[in-house]
Amino acid sequence: MLLYHGHNYWNFPKGKLEATERSWQAALREVREETGLKSSELKFVENFKAYERFTFGGAKNKVFKIVILYLAETHQPNITVSNEHEGYGWFTFSEAKKAMSRYPENIRILTTAYEFLRKDVRPLTKR
């Protein structure tokens, strides 16, 4: 699922850590604030964590930011986007790559998650 910010900009749910939060707690809170999904409606994929690092701002007030992203699954079809967003969408891997094509770092994270999930899939065996 990607959130739509307007102006052809799609991105993952994310936000800032609050004072005493751990990164996974911030992830749960931000997903709830931005999508309405409760922690009980999410299942984290174990052993997956991706990082996005970037800087922005001018020379005098340059900011370095690290975003920690987790991978989760939900079966809840009801999404309520926050007023920060104009909408959301459920995408296949190739559709998400197209929607995020202007942002190579997001494509890298998306590809890392896709490859992680494909590696974890084991073929069914007959008994």
C-alpha atoms as a PDB file:
ATOM      1  CA  MET A   1       0.000   0.000   0.000  1.00  0.00           C
ATOM      2  CA  LEU A   2       1.207   3.466  -0.865  1.00  0.00           C
ATOM      3  CA  LEU A   3      -0.167   6.810   0.264  1.00  0.00           C
ATOM      4  CA  TYR A   4      -0.875   9.580  -2.241  1.00  0.00           C
ATOM      5  CA  HIS A   5       0.337  13.061  -1.302  1.00  0.00           C
ATOM      6  CA  GLY A   6      -0.846  14.795  -4.480  1.00  0.00           C
ATOM      7  CA  HIS A   7       1.175  16.056  -7.444  1.00  0.00           C
ATOM      8  CA  ASN A   8       1.933  12.475  -8.587  1.00  0.00           C
ATOM      9  CA  TYR A   9       3.790  11.734  -5.325  1.00  0.00           C
ATOM     10  CA  TRP A  10       3.253   8.295  -3.767  1.00  0.00           C
ATOM     11  CA  ASN A  11       5.144   7.116  -0.687  1.00  0.00           C
ATOM     12  CA  PHE A  12       5.151   4.704   2.229  1.00  0.00           C
ATOM     13  CA  PRO A  13       3.480   5.560   5.545  1.00  0.00           C
ATOM     14  CA  LYS A  14       6.156   7.184   7.704  1.00  0.00           C
ATOM     15  CA  GLY A  15       6.842   9.955  10.166  1.00  0.00           C
ATOM     16  CA  LYS A  16       8.963  11.199  13.045  1.00  0.00           C
ATOM     17  CA  LEU A  17       9.876   9.429  16.271  1.00  0.00           C
ATOM     18  CA  GLU A  18       8.371  10.898  19.394  1.00  0.00           C
ATOM     19  CA  ALA A  19      10.551  11.405  22.490  1.00  0.00           C
ATOM     20  CA  THR A  20      10.484   7.944  24.088  1.00  0.00           C
ATOM     21  CA  GLU A  21       9.456   5.785  21.129  1.00  0.00           C
ATOM     22  CA  ARG A  22      11.288   2.872  19.599  1.00  0.00           C
ATOM     23  CA  SER A  23      11.292   2.792  15.793  1.00  0.00           C
ATOM     24  CA  TRP A  24       8.722  -0.033  15.586  1.00  0.00           C
ATOM     25  CA  GLN A  25       6.408   1.857  17.971  1.00  0.00           C
ATOM     26  CA  ALA A  26       6.655   4.945  15.763  1.00  0.00           C
ATOM     27  CA  ALA A  27       5.894   2.773  12.731  1.00  0.00           C
ATOM     28  CA  LEU A  28       2.712   1.448  14.369  1.00  0.00           C
ATOM     29  CA  ARG A  29       1.630   4.925  15.464  1.00  0.00           C
ATOM     30  CA  GLU A  30       2.292   6.508  12.072  1.00  0.00           C
ATOM     31  CA  VAL A  31       0.478   3.736  10.202  1.00  0.00           C
ATOM     32  CA  ARG A  32      -2.506   4.194  12.529  1.00  0.00           C
ATOM     33  CA  GLU A  33      -2.489   7.992  12.120  1.00  0.00           C
ATOM     34  CA  GLU A  34      -2.080   7.859   8.342  1.00  0.00           C
ATOM     35  CA  THR A  35      -4.254   4.835   7.456  1.00  0.00           C
ATOM     36  CA  GLY A  36      -6.478   4.055  10.437  1.00  0.00           C
ATOM     37  CA  LEU A  37      -4.989   0.546  10.664  1.00  0.00           C
ATOM     38  CA  LYS A  38      -4.637  -0.653  14.265  1.00  0.00           C
ATOM     39  CA  SER A  39      -1.669  -2.693  15.482  1.00  0.00           C
ATOM     40  CA  SER A  40      -4.029  -5.661  15.918  1.00  0.00           C
ATOM     41  CA  GLU A  41      -4.752  -5.472  12.164  1.00  0.00           C
ATOM     42  CA  LEU A  42      -1.081  -5.620  11.192  1.00  0.00           C
ATOM     43  CA  LYS A  43       1.392  -8.464  11.171  1.00  0.00           C
ATOM     44  CA  PHE A  44       5.043  -7.441  10.900  1.00  0.00           C
ATOM     45  CA  VAL A  45       7.204  -9.554   8.628  1.00  0.00           C
ATOM     46  CA  GLU A  46       9.972 -10.846  10.880  1.00  0.00           C
ATOM     47  CA  ASN A  47      13.605  -9.928  10.254  1.00  0.00           C
ATOM     48  CA  PHE A  48      12.881  -7.149   7.763  1.00  0.00           C
ATOM     49  CA  LYS A  49      14.033  -3.592   8.267  1.00  0.00           C
ATOM     50  CA  ALA A  50      15.063  -1.132   5.545  1.00  0.00           C
ATOM     51  CA  TYR A  51      16.761   2.236   5.878  1.00  0.00           C
ATOM     52  CA  GLU A  52      16.457   5.399   3.829  1.00  0.00           C
ATOM     53  CA  ARG A  53      19.153   8.033   4.414  1.00  0.00           C
ATOM     54  CA  PHE A  54      19.108  11.500   2.923  1.00  0.00           C
ATOM     55  CA  THR A  55      19.986  15.129   3.523  1.00  0.00           C
ATOM     56  CA  PHE A  56      18.028  18.251   2.719  1.00  0.00           C
ATOM     57  CA  GLY A  57      18.223  21.970   3.342  1.00  0.00           C
ATOM     58  CA  GLY A  58      20.858  24.567   2.546  1.00  0.00           C
ATOM     59  CA  ALA A  59      24.527  24.574   3.491  1.00  0.00           C
ATOM     60  CA  LYS A  60      23.914  26.382   6.802  1.00  0.00           C
ATOM     61  CA  ASN A  61      20.905  24.349   7.906  1.00  0.00           C
ATOM     62  CA  LYS A  62      21.526  20.943   6.326  1.00  0.00           C
ATOM     63  CA  VAL A  63      19.476  18.146   7.910  1.00  0.00           C
ATOM     64  CA  PHE A  64      20.471  14.481   7.814  1.00  0.00           C
ATOM     65  CA  LYS A  65      17.529  12.104   8.124  1.00  0.00           C
ATOM     66  CA  ILE A  66      17.280   8.342   8.561  1.00  0.00           C
ATOM     67  CA  VAL A  67      13.951   6.619   7.944  1.00  0.00           C
ATOM     68  CA  ILE A  68      13.489   3.060   9.226  1.00  0.00           C
ATOM     69  CA  LEU A  69      10.866   1.075   7.342  1.00  0.00           C
ATOM     70  CA  TYR A  70       9.214  -2.175   8.329  1.00  0.00           C
ATOM     71  CA  LEU A  71       7.191  -4.613   6.279  1.00  0.00           C
ATOM     72  CA  ALA A  72       3.709  -5.583   7.463  1.00  0.00           C
ATOM     73  CA  GLU A  73       0.683  -7.465   6.220  1.00  0.00           C
ATOM     74  CA  THR A  74      -2.995  -6.714   6.762  1.00  0.00           C
ATOM     75  CA  HIS A  75      -6.270  -8.258   5.743  1.00  0.00           C
ATOM     76  CA  GLN A  76      -8.210  -5.134   6.727  1.00  0.00           C
ATOM     77  CA  PRO A  77      -9.756  -3.584   3.597  1.00  0.00           C
ATOM     78  CA  ASN A  78     -10.944  -0.396   5.331  1.00  0.00           C
ATOM     79  CA  ILE A  79      -8.373   2.374   5.108  1.00  0.00           C
ATOM     80  CA  THR A  80      -8.998   5.896   6.402  1.00  0.00           C
ATOM     81  CA  VAL A  81      -6.307   8.247   5.146  1.00  0.00           C
ATOM     82  CA  SER A  82      -5.277  11.224   7.247  1.00  0.00           C
ATOM     83  CA  ASN A  83      -5.655  14.816   6.104  1.00  0.00           C
ATOM     84  CA  GLU A  84      -1.938  14.691   5.171  1.00  0.00           C
ATOM     85  CA  HIS A  85      -2.842  12.546   2.160  1.00  0.00           C
ATOM     86  CA  GLU A  86      -5.232  12.669  -0.756  1.00  0.00           C
ATOM     87  CA  GLY A  87      -5.631   8.912  -1.102  1.00  0.00           C
ATOM     88  CA  TYR A  88      -4.034   5.497  -1.098  1.00  0.00           C
ATOM     89  CA  GLY A  89      -3.606   2.519  -3.360  1.00  0.00           C
ATOM     90  CA  TRP A  90      -2.806  -1.173  -3.255  1.00  0.00           C
ATOM     91  CA  PHE A  91      -0.193  -1.940  -5.903  1.00  0.00           C
ATOM     92  CA  THR A  92       1.592  -4.887  -7.408  1.00  0.00           C
ATOM     93  CA  PHE A  93       5.376  -4.661  -7.306  1.00  0.00           C
ATOM     94  CA  SER A  94       5.624  -3.436 -10.915  1.00  0.00           C
ATOM     95  CA  GLU A  95       2.807  -0.902 -10.442  1.00  0.00           C
ATOM     96  CA  ALA A  96       4.446   0.467  -7.285  1.00  0.00           C
ATOM     97  CA  LYS A  97       7.782   0.819  -9.099  1.00  0.00           C
ATOM     98  CA  LYS A  98       6.052   2.893 -11.791  1.00  0.00           C
ATOM     99  CA  ALA A  99       4.206   5.045  -9.247  1.00  0.00           C
ATOM    100  CA  MET A 100       7.456   5.757  -7.383  1.00  0.00           C
ATOM    101  CA  SER A 101       9.717   5.963 -10.453  1.00  0.00           C
ATOM    102  CA  ARG A 102      10.907   9.515  -9.664  1.00  0.00           C
ATOM    103  CA  TYR A 103      12.394   8.363  -6.341  1.00  0.00           C
ATOM    104  CA  PRO A 104      15.240   5.845  -6.796  1.00  0.00           C
ATOM    105  CA  GLU A 105      15.728   5.376  -3.047  1.00  0.00           C
ATOM    106  CA  ASN A 106      12.090   4.304  -2.658  1.00  0.00           C
ATOM    107  CA  ILE A 107      12.486   1.901  -5.591  1.00  0.00           C
ATOM    108  CA  ARG A 108      15.533   0.424  -3.810  1.00  0.00           C
ATOM    109  CA  ILE A 109      13.505  -0.097  -0.609  1.00  0.00           C
ATOM    110  CA  LEU A 110      10.563  -1.541  -2.530  1.00  0.00           C
ATOM    111  CA  THR A 111      12.876  -3.928  -4.405  1.00  0.00           C
ATOM    112  CA  THR A 112      14.589  -4.982  -1.166  1.00  0.00           C
ATOM    113  CA  ALA A 113      11.180  -5.815   0.366  1.00  0.00           C
ATOM    114  CA  TYR A 114      10.041  -7.666  -2.771  1.00  0.00           C
ATOM    115  CA  GLU A 115      13.219  -9.754  -2.908  1.00  0.00           C
ATOM    116  CA  PHE A 116      13.008 -10.471   0.825  1.00  0.00           C
ATOM    117  CA  LEU A 117       9.460 -11.791   0.423  1.00  0.00           C
ATOM    118  CA  ARG A 118      10.322 -13.860  -2.666  1.00  0.00           C
ATOM    119  CA  LYS A 119      13.308 -15.406  -0.884  1.00  0.00           C
ATOM    120  CA  ASP A 120      11.086 -16.358   2.049  1.00  0.00           C
ATOM    121  CA  VAL A 121       8.543 -18.184  -0.122  1.00  0.00           C
ATOM    122  CA  ARG A 122       9.124 -21.932  -0.115  1.00  0.00           C
ATOM    123  CA  PRO A 123       7.544 -24.268  -2.659  1.00  0.00           C
ATOM    124  CA  LEU A 124       4.799 -26.521  -1.354  1.00  0.00           C
ATOM    125  CA  THR A 125       5.680 -30.178  -1.171  1.00  0.00           C
ATOM    126  CA  LYS A 126       3.311 -33.110  -1.591  1.00  0.00           C
ATOM    127  CA  ARG A 127       2.820 -35.374   1.410  1.00  0.00           C
END
